[in-house]
N, C-alpha and C. Protein backbone atom coordinates (compact mmCIF):
# COMPACT_ATOMS: atom_id res chain seq x y z
N MET A 1 11.80 49.63 57.78
CA MET A 1 11.17 48.39 58.17
C MET A 1 11.48 48.13 59.64
N SER A 2 10.49 47.79 60.41
CA SER A 2 10.71 47.50 61.83
C SER A 2 11.28 46.11 61.99
N ALA A 3 11.85 45.83 63.17
CA ALA A 3 12.38 44.51 63.46
C ALA A 3 11.29 43.46 63.39
N PHE A 4 10.05 43.85 63.60
CA PHE A 4 8.95 42.90 63.64
C PHE A 4 8.47 42.52 62.25
N SER A 5 8.61 43.41 61.27
CA SER A 5 8.03 43.15 59.96
C SER A 5 8.74 42.01 59.23
N ALA A 6 9.99 41.74 59.54
CA ALA A 6 10.72 40.67 58.86
C ALA A 6 10.05 39.32 59.07
N PHE A 7 9.30 39.17 60.12
CA PHE A 7 8.70 37.88 60.41
C PHE A 7 7.25 37.82 59.97
N ARG A 8 6.84 38.79 59.20
CA ARG A 8 5.49 38.78 58.64
C ARG A 8 5.59 38.64 57.12
N GLY A 9 6.68 38.02 56.65
CA GLY A 9 6.85 37.76 55.23
C GLY A 9 7.61 38.82 54.47
N VAL A 10 8.24 39.76 55.15
CA VAL A 10 8.96 40.84 54.49
C VAL A 10 10.45 40.69 54.76
N GLY A 11 11.09 39.76 54.07
CA GLY A 11 12.52 39.57 54.21
C GLY A 11 12.90 38.64 55.34
N GLY A 12 14.18 38.64 55.67
CA GLY A 12 14.70 37.74 56.68
C GLY A 12 15.17 36.44 56.03
N ASP A 13 16.04 35.71 56.71
CA ASP A 13 16.54 34.42 56.24
C ASP A 13 15.46 33.38 56.53
N GLU A 14 14.75 32.98 55.49
CA GLU A 14 13.60 32.08 55.66
C GLU A 14 13.98 30.76 56.33
N THR A 15 15.19 30.26 56.08
CA THR A 15 15.62 29.01 56.71
C THR A 15 15.67 29.17 58.22
N LEU A 16 16.21 30.29 58.68
CA LEU A 16 16.29 30.54 60.12
C LEU A 16 14.91 30.77 60.71
N VAL A 17 14.09 31.54 60.03
CA VAL A 17 12.74 31.82 60.51
C VAL A 17 11.93 30.52 60.58
N ASP A 18 12.04 29.68 59.56
CA ASP A 18 11.32 28.41 59.56
C ASP A 18 11.76 27.52 60.71
N ALA A 19 13.05 27.52 61.02
CA ALA A 19 13.54 26.72 62.15
C ALA A 19 12.92 27.22 63.45
N LEU A 20 12.85 28.54 63.62
CA LEU A 20 12.27 29.10 64.84
C LEU A 20 10.77 28.86 64.92
N LYS A 21 10.12 28.69 63.78
CA LYS A 21 8.68 28.40 63.79
C LYS A 21 8.39 27.00 64.35
N GLN A 22 9.42 26.18 64.49
CA GLN A 22 9.24 24.85 65.07
C GLN A 22 9.17 24.91 66.59
N VAL A 23 9.51 26.05 67.17
CA VAL A 23 9.50 26.22 68.63
C VAL A 23 8.12 26.72 69.04
N ILE A 24 7.45 25.94 69.86
CA ILE A 24 6.07 26.23 70.26
C ILE A 24 6.05 26.69 71.72
N ASP A 25 5.38 27.81 71.97
CA ASP A 25 5.18 28.25 73.35
C ASP A 25 4.26 27.22 74.01
N PRO A 26 4.73 26.55 75.08
CA PRO A 26 3.94 25.47 75.67
C PRO A 26 2.66 25.93 76.37
N GLU A 27 2.59 27.19 76.72
CA GLU A 27 1.38 27.69 77.38
C GLU A 27 0.31 28.12 76.39
N LEU A 28 0.73 28.67 75.25
CA LEU A 28 -0.23 29.19 74.27
C LEU A 28 -0.38 28.30 73.04
N ASN A 29 0.55 27.35 72.87
CA ASN A 29 0.53 26.39 71.77
C ASN A 29 0.60 27.08 70.40
N ILE A 30 1.40 28.13 70.31
CA ILE A 30 1.64 28.87 69.07
C ILE A 30 3.15 29.03 68.94
N ASN A 31 3.64 28.98 67.69
CA ASN A 31 5.09 29.10 67.52
C ASN A 31 5.57 30.51 67.88
N ILE A 32 6.84 30.59 68.26
CA ILE A 32 7.37 31.84 68.80
C ILE A 32 7.49 32.95 67.76
N VAL A 33 7.56 32.60 66.48
CA VAL A 33 7.62 33.63 65.44
C VAL A 33 6.24 34.27 65.28
N ASP A 34 5.21 33.44 65.10
CA ASP A 34 3.85 33.97 64.94
C ASP A 34 3.36 34.66 66.20
N LEU A 35 3.87 34.22 67.34
CA LEU A 35 3.50 34.84 68.61
C LEU A 35 4.12 36.23 68.76
N GLY A 36 5.14 36.52 67.95
CA GLY A 36 5.78 37.84 67.99
C GLY A 36 6.90 37.93 69.01
N LEU A 37 7.42 36.78 69.43
CA LEU A 37 8.50 36.80 70.42
C LEU A 37 9.86 37.06 69.80
N VAL A 38 10.02 36.75 68.52
CA VAL A 38 11.31 36.91 67.85
C VAL A 38 11.37 38.31 67.23
N TYR A 39 12.32 39.11 67.70
CA TYR A 39 12.49 40.47 67.19
C TYR A 39 13.47 40.53 66.03
N ASP A 40 14.52 39.71 66.07
CA ASP A 40 15.52 39.75 65.01
C ASP A 40 16.26 38.43 64.99
N VAL A 41 16.61 37.96 63.81
CA VAL A 41 17.46 36.78 63.64
C VAL A 41 18.33 37.04 62.43
N LYS A 42 19.64 36.89 62.63
CA LYS A 42 20.56 37.14 61.51
C LYS A 42 21.85 36.38 61.73
N ARG A 43 22.53 36.18 60.64
CA ARG A 43 23.83 35.53 60.69
C ARG A 43 24.90 36.57 61.01
N SER A 44 25.91 36.14 61.73
CA SER A 44 27.03 37.02 62.06
C SER A 44 27.75 37.41 60.77
N GLU A 45 28.15 38.66 60.67
CA GLU A 45 28.90 39.11 59.49
C GLU A 45 30.28 38.45 59.43
N GLU A 46 30.87 38.17 60.59
CA GLU A 46 32.20 37.57 60.64
C GLU A 46 32.17 36.07 60.39
N ASN A 47 31.07 35.41 60.74
CA ASN A 47 30.97 33.96 60.65
C ASN A 47 29.53 33.59 60.33
N GLN A 48 29.27 33.25 59.08
CA GLN A 48 27.90 32.95 58.64
C GLN A 48 27.30 31.72 59.32
N ALA A 49 28.13 30.90 59.97
CA ALA A 49 27.63 29.72 60.67
C ALA A 49 27.18 30.06 62.09
N LYS A 50 27.34 31.32 62.48
CA LYS A 50 26.87 31.78 63.79
C LYS A 50 25.63 32.64 63.59
N VAL A 51 24.59 32.34 64.38
CA VAL A 51 23.32 33.05 64.26
C VAL A 51 23.04 33.79 65.57
N ASN A 52 22.60 35.03 65.45
CA ASN A 52 22.23 35.83 66.61
C ASN A 52 20.73 36.11 66.57
N VAL A 53 20.09 35.85 67.70
CA VAL A 53 18.64 36.06 67.81
C VAL A 53 18.37 37.02 68.94
N SER A 54 17.51 37.98 68.69
CA SER A 54 16.99 38.86 69.74
C SER A 54 15.52 38.52 69.89
N MET A 55 15.14 38.19 71.10
CA MET A 55 13.75 37.80 71.33
C MET A 55 13.30 38.21 72.71
N THR A 56 12.01 38.09 72.93
CA THR A 56 11.43 38.43 74.22
C THR A 56 10.56 37.28 74.68
N LEU A 57 9.91 37.45 75.79
CA LEU A 57 8.93 36.50 76.31
C LEU A 57 7.63 37.24 76.54
N THR A 58 6.55 36.52 76.72
CA THR A 58 5.26 37.17 76.93
C THR A 58 5.23 37.96 78.22
N SER A 59 6.08 37.60 79.18
CA SER A 59 6.22 38.37 80.42
C SER A 59 7.60 38.10 80.99
N PRO A 60 8.15 39.02 81.78
CA PRO A 60 9.48 38.80 82.37
C PRO A 60 9.53 37.56 83.26
N ALA A 61 8.42 37.17 83.84
CA ALA A 61 8.39 36.02 84.74
C ALA A 61 7.83 34.77 84.05
N CYS A 62 7.87 34.72 82.74
CA CYS A 62 7.32 33.59 81.99
C CYS A 62 7.95 32.28 82.46
N PRO A 63 7.16 31.36 83.02
CA PRO A 63 7.73 30.12 83.53
C PRO A 63 8.31 29.22 82.43
N ALA A 64 7.88 29.41 81.20
CA ALA A 64 8.37 28.60 80.09
C ALA A 64 9.59 29.23 79.42
N GLY A 65 10.05 30.38 79.90
CA GLY A 65 11.16 31.09 79.29
C GLY A 65 12.40 30.26 79.05
N PRO A 66 12.94 29.60 80.07
CA PRO A 66 14.15 28.80 79.85
C PRO A 66 13.95 27.70 78.81
N GLN A 67 12.80 27.08 78.82
CA GLN A 67 12.50 26.02 77.85
C GLN A 67 12.43 26.59 76.43
N ILE A 68 11.77 27.72 76.26
CA ILE A 68 11.64 28.34 74.94
C ILE A 68 13.01 28.75 74.41
N ILE A 69 13.83 29.35 75.24
CA ILE A 69 15.16 29.79 74.81
C ILE A 69 16.02 28.60 74.40
N THR A 70 16.00 27.54 75.21
CA THR A 70 16.77 26.34 74.89
C THR A 70 16.30 25.72 73.58
N GLN A 71 15.00 25.64 73.39
CA GLN A 71 14.46 25.05 72.17
C GLN A 71 14.79 25.90 70.94
N ALA A 72 14.78 27.22 71.07
CA ALA A 72 15.14 28.10 69.95
C ALA A 72 16.60 27.87 69.55
N LYS A 73 17.46 27.81 70.53
CA LYS A 73 18.89 27.56 70.27
C LYS A 73 19.08 26.21 69.58
N MET A 74 18.42 25.19 70.10
CA MET A 74 18.55 23.85 69.52
C MET A 74 17.98 23.78 68.11
N ALA A 75 16.86 24.44 67.86
CA ALA A 75 16.24 24.42 66.53
C ALA A 75 17.18 25.02 65.49
N LEU A 76 17.86 26.08 65.84
CA LEU A 76 18.80 26.71 64.90
C LEU A 76 20.06 25.87 64.73
N GLU A 77 20.58 25.33 65.82
CA GLU A 77 21.82 24.56 65.75
C GLU A 77 21.63 23.21 65.08
N ARG A 78 20.40 22.77 64.87
CA ARG A 78 20.14 21.54 64.10
C ARG A 78 20.32 21.76 62.60
N LEU A 79 20.29 23.01 62.17
CA LEU A 79 20.49 23.31 60.75
C LEU A 79 21.93 22.97 60.36
N ASP A 80 22.10 22.40 59.18
CA ASP A 80 23.43 21.98 58.73
C ASP A 80 24.43 23.12 58.65
N ASP A 81 23.97 24.31 58.32
CA ASP A 81 24.89 25.43 58.11
C ASP A 81 24.99 26.37 59.32
N VAL A 82 24.51 25.92 60.48
CA VAL A 82 24.61 26.72 61.70
C VAL A 82 25.41 25.93 62.74
N ASP A 83 26.52 26.52 63.18
CA ASP A 83 27.35 25.89 64.21
C ASP A 83 26.98 26.38 65.61
N GLU A 84 26.56 27.63 65.68
CA GLU A 84 26.28 28.22 66.99
C GLU A 84 25.14 29.23 66.88
N ALA A 85 24.23 29.16 67.84
CA ALA A 85 23.14 30.14 67.91
C ALA A 85 23.23 30.83 69.26
N SER A 86 23.19 32.13 69.23
CA SER A 86 23.24 32.95 70.44
C SER A 86 21.88 33.64 70.60
N ILE A 87 21.24 33.42 71.74
CA ILE A 87 19.93 33.99 72.00
C ILE A 87 20.07 35.13 73.00
N GLN A 88 19.69 36.33 72.59
CA GLN A 88 19.70 37.47 73.50
C GLN A 88 18.26 37.78 73.88
N LEU A 89 17.98 37.70 75.16
CA LEU A 89 16.65 37.98 75.66
C LEU A 89 16.55 39.46 75.99
N THR A 90 15.48 40.09 75.52
CA THR A 90 15.25 41.51 75.81
C THR A 90 13.79 41.71 76.20
N MET A 91 13.57 42.65 77.05
CA MET A 91 12.19 43.00 77.43
C MET A 91 11.82 44.39 76.90
N SER A 92 12.64 44.90 75.99
CA SER A 92 12.40 46.22 75.43
C SER A 92 12.49 46.13 73.91
N PRO A 93 11.44 46.35 73.21
CA PRO A 93 10.12 46.71 73.72
C PRO A 93 9.44 45.49 74.34
N PRO A 94 8.54 45.73 75.26
CA PRO A 94 7.83 44.61 75.87
C PRO A 94 6.89 43.95 74.86
N TRP A 95 6.67 42.66 75.06
CA TRP A 95 5.76 41.93 74.18
C TRP A 95 4.32 42.41 74.40
N SER A 96 3.55 42.43 73.33
CA SER A 96 2.11 42.71 73.43
C SER A 96 1.42 41.93 72.31
N PRO A 97 0.13 41.68 72.43
CA PRO A 97 -0.60 40.93 71.40
C PRO A 97 -0.52 41.56 70.01
N GLU A 98 -0.25 42.85 69.92
CA GLU A 98 -0.13 43.51 68.61
C GLU A 98 1.04 42.96 67.80
N LEU A 99 2.00 42.31 68.46
CA LEU A 99 3.16 41.76 67.77
C LEU A 99 2.85 40.42 67.11
N MET A 100 1.73 39.82 67.45
CA MET A 100 1.35 38.52 66.90
C MET A 100 0.88 38.65 65.46
N THR A 101 1.01 37.56 64.70
CA THR A 101 0.43 37.54 63.36
C THR A 101 -1.09 37.50 63.50
N ASP A 102 -1.77 37.86 62.43
CA ASP A 102 -3.24 37.83 62.44
C ASP A 102 -3.75 36.42 62.74
N ASP A 103 -3.11 35.41 62.14
CA ASP A 103 -3.54 34.03 62.37
C ASP A 103 -3.40 33.63 63.83
N ALA A 104 -2.30 34.04 64.46
CA ALA A 104 -2.09 33.71 65.88
C ALA A 104 -3.13 34.40 66.75
N ARG A 105 -3.42 35.65 66.45
CA ARG A 105 -4.45 36.37 67.22
C ARG A 105 -5.81 35.70 67.04
N ASP A 106 -6.12 35.30 65.81
CA ASP A 106 -7.39 34.61 65.56
C ASP A 106 -7.47 33.31 66.35
N GLU A 107 -6.37 32.56 66.36
CA GLU A 107 -6.34 31.29 67.07
C GLU A 107 -6.61 31.46 68.56
N LEU A 108 -6.13 32.57 69.12
CA LEU A 108 -6.33 32.84 70.54
C LEU A 108 -7.60 33.64 70.82
N GLY A 109 -8.30 34.03 69.76
CA GLY A 109 -9.54 34.79 69.95
C GLY A 109 -9.30 36.24 70.32
N ILE A 110 -8.17 36.80 69.88
CA ILE A 110 -7.86 38.21 70.14
C ILE A 110 -8.18 38.99 68.87
N PHE A 111 -9.12 39.89 68.96
CA PHE A 111 -9.55 40.64 67.76
C PHE A 111 -9.23 42.10 67.88
C-alpha cells in the first residue's frame, strides 16, 4: 500500500484524517487530505498522544504554506487525545493532481 492510499479510505487513523480534512487550502478551497497534500499521519509508537504528519504543498513556493502547516498542527492538537503534532514538510515526491481524490479533481475540473 502506498502512503497515498491510506487517505482514499484504505486504513489510517480516521480521527486524525478527519481532523486534517478540516484544513482547507485557501487558494483551491479543497481540504488538504482530498487535495493529496498529506502523505502520512500516524501516532508515535513511544507516545500515542504525539502525532507525526508528513505532507507536501502544491509547490515549494506556495504562499499559503505556513498557514496550511499551522492549521494542520492546530487541527490535530485540538483533539482530546493529541498533545503534540509534528508536521514534516517534504517535496519528495512532488505534489501532482494525480494525488487528489476523484471528487477534488472533479471540483477543480481536472479530468
